[in-house]
Amino acid sequence: IRHPGTACSDEIVLKIKLPGARMADIDLDVRPTFVRMQAPKYKLKAYLPERVDEQRGHAKWDGAKEELVVTLPVVAQIQGKLPTSMSDEID
C-alpha cells in the first residue's frame, strides 16, 4: 500500500491462493527479507522488495476464498545523510 506522492510503501500485502488447504495445515515463517509458507500441497519462498518488521505483521486466513493474506509493515530506511545545522545557526 503506497501513499500518494511518496516513493515508499507503508506495508506489503501478500495474497496466497491455497485451494484445498486448511488453516491448521499452513506453516508461515516471516523474516525481514522473505516469507516462507508451507502446506501439504504447497511451498512458497518469496523474497520481499523491501525490509519488513516481522514482529508487527499479521496473517489472515479466508476459508471461503481459500486465501492467506499476509500484511507486513515496511521498515523505513533513510537514503543518504540528513542535512544538519551548526548549533550557532539555530534560533
Protein backbone atom coordinates (compact mmCIF):
# COMPACT_ATOMS: atom_id res chain seq x y z
CA ILE A 1 0.00 0.00 0.00
CA ARG A 2 1.51 3.30 -1.08
CA HIS A 3 0.71 6.84 -0.03
CA PRO A 4 0.11 9.20 -2.96
CA GLY A 5 3.10 11.42 -3.66
CA THR A 6 5.68 9.22 -1.93
CA ALA A 7 8.22 6.79 -3.27
CA CYS A 8 7.94 4.26 -0.45
CA SER A 9 5.35 1.77 0.78
CA ASP A 10 3.90 1.55 4.28
CA GLU A 11 3.22 -2.15 4.03
CA ILE A 12 3.46 -5.16 1.77
CA VAL A 13 0.37 -7.33 1.29
CA LEU A 14 0.78 -10.89 0.00
CA LYS A 15 -2.31 -12.79 -1.14
CA ILE A 16 -1.63 -16.51 -1.48
CA LYS A 17 -4.30 -18.77 -3.03
CA LEU A 18 -4.24 -22.25 -1.47
CA PRO A 19 -7.06 -24.38 -2.95
CA GLY A 20 -7.90 -27.34 -0.73
CA ALA A 21 -5.72 -26.14 2.17
CA ARG A 22 -6.84 -25.75 5.77
CA MET A 23 -5.58 -23.10 8.18
CA ALA A 24 -4.33 -25.75 10.62
CA ASP A 25 -2.03 -27.18 7.92
CA ILE A 26 -0.33 -23.90 6.98
CA ASP A 27 3.14 -23.09 8.34
CA LEU A 28 4.21 -19.46 7.87
CA ASP A 29 7.70 -18.09 8.55
CA VAL A 30 8.24 -14.34 8.12
CA ARG A 31 11.72 -12.79 8.08
CA PRO A 32 12.82 -9.20 7.34
CA THR A 33 13.65 -10.02 3.71
CA PHE A 34 11.49 -13.03 2.80
CA VAL A 35 8.35 -15.03 3.57
CA ARG A 36 8.25 -18.82 3.61
CA MET A 37 4.93 -20.70 3.56
CA GLN A 38 4.38 -24.43 3.57
CA ALA A 39 1.24 -26.56 3.43
CA PRO A 40 0.81 -30.25 2.49
CA LYS A 41 0.42 -29.49 -1.26
CA TYR A 42 2.21 -26.13 -1.44
CA LYS A 43 5.58 -24.49 -0.80
CA LEU A 44 6.47 -20.85 -1.30
CA LYS A 45 9.53 -18.74 -0.57
CA ALA A 46 9.06 -15.13 -1.65
CA TYR A 47 11.82 -12.55 -1.36
CA LEU A 48 10.45 -9.13 -0.44
CA PRO A 49 11.31 -5.91 -2.31
CA GLU A 50 11.74 -4.02 0.98
CA ARG A 51 12.67 -4.95 4.56
CA VAL A 52 9.69 -5.59 6.83
CA ASP A 53 9.08 -5.67 10.58
CA GLU A 54 8.22 -9.34 11.01
CA GLN A 55 7.09 -8.80 14.62
CA ARG A 56 4.32 -6.33 13.67
CA GLY A 57 2.88 -8.16 10.68
CA HIS A 58 -0.25 -10.26 10.66
CA ALA A 59 -1.83 -13.03 8.60
CA LYS A 60 -5.49 -13.79 7.99
CA TRP A 61 -6.99 -16.96 6.52
CA ASP A 62 -10.12 -16.58 4.38
CA GLY A 63 -11.59 -20.08 4.22
CA ALA A 64 -14.29 -19.13 1.71
CA LYS A 65 -11.69 -17.88 -0.79
CA GLU A 66 -9.04 -20.42 0.30
CA GLU A 67 -6.63 -17.49 0.54
CA LEU A 68 -3.98 -16.46 3.05
CA VAL A 69 -3.47 -12.69 3.29
CA VAL A 70 -0.18 -11.62 4.91
CA THR A 71 0.25 -7.91 5.75
CA LEU A 72 3.75 -6.74 6.70
CA PRO A 73 4.77 -3.19 7.69
CA VAL A 74 7.78 -1.89 5.78
CA VAL A 75 10.79 -0.75 7.80
CA ALA A 76 11.57 2.84 6.82
CA GLN A 77 15.11 3.26 5.55
CA ILE A 78 16.68 6.68 5.17
CA GLN A 79 18.69 7.11 1.99
CA GLY A 80 21.87 9.14 2.46
CA LYS A 81 22.50 11.58 5.28
CA LEU A 82 20.04 14.06 6.66
CA PRO A 83 21.05 17.72 6.50
CA THR A 84 22.34 19.08 9.78
CA SER A 85 22.89 22.56 11.06
CA MET A 86 25.54 24.12 13.25
CA SER A 87 24.48 24.98 16.79
CA ASP A 88 25.01 28.71 16.16
CA GLU A 89 22.56 28.58 13.21
CA ILE A 90 19.62 27.61 15.42
CA ASP A 91 17.36 30.47 16.57
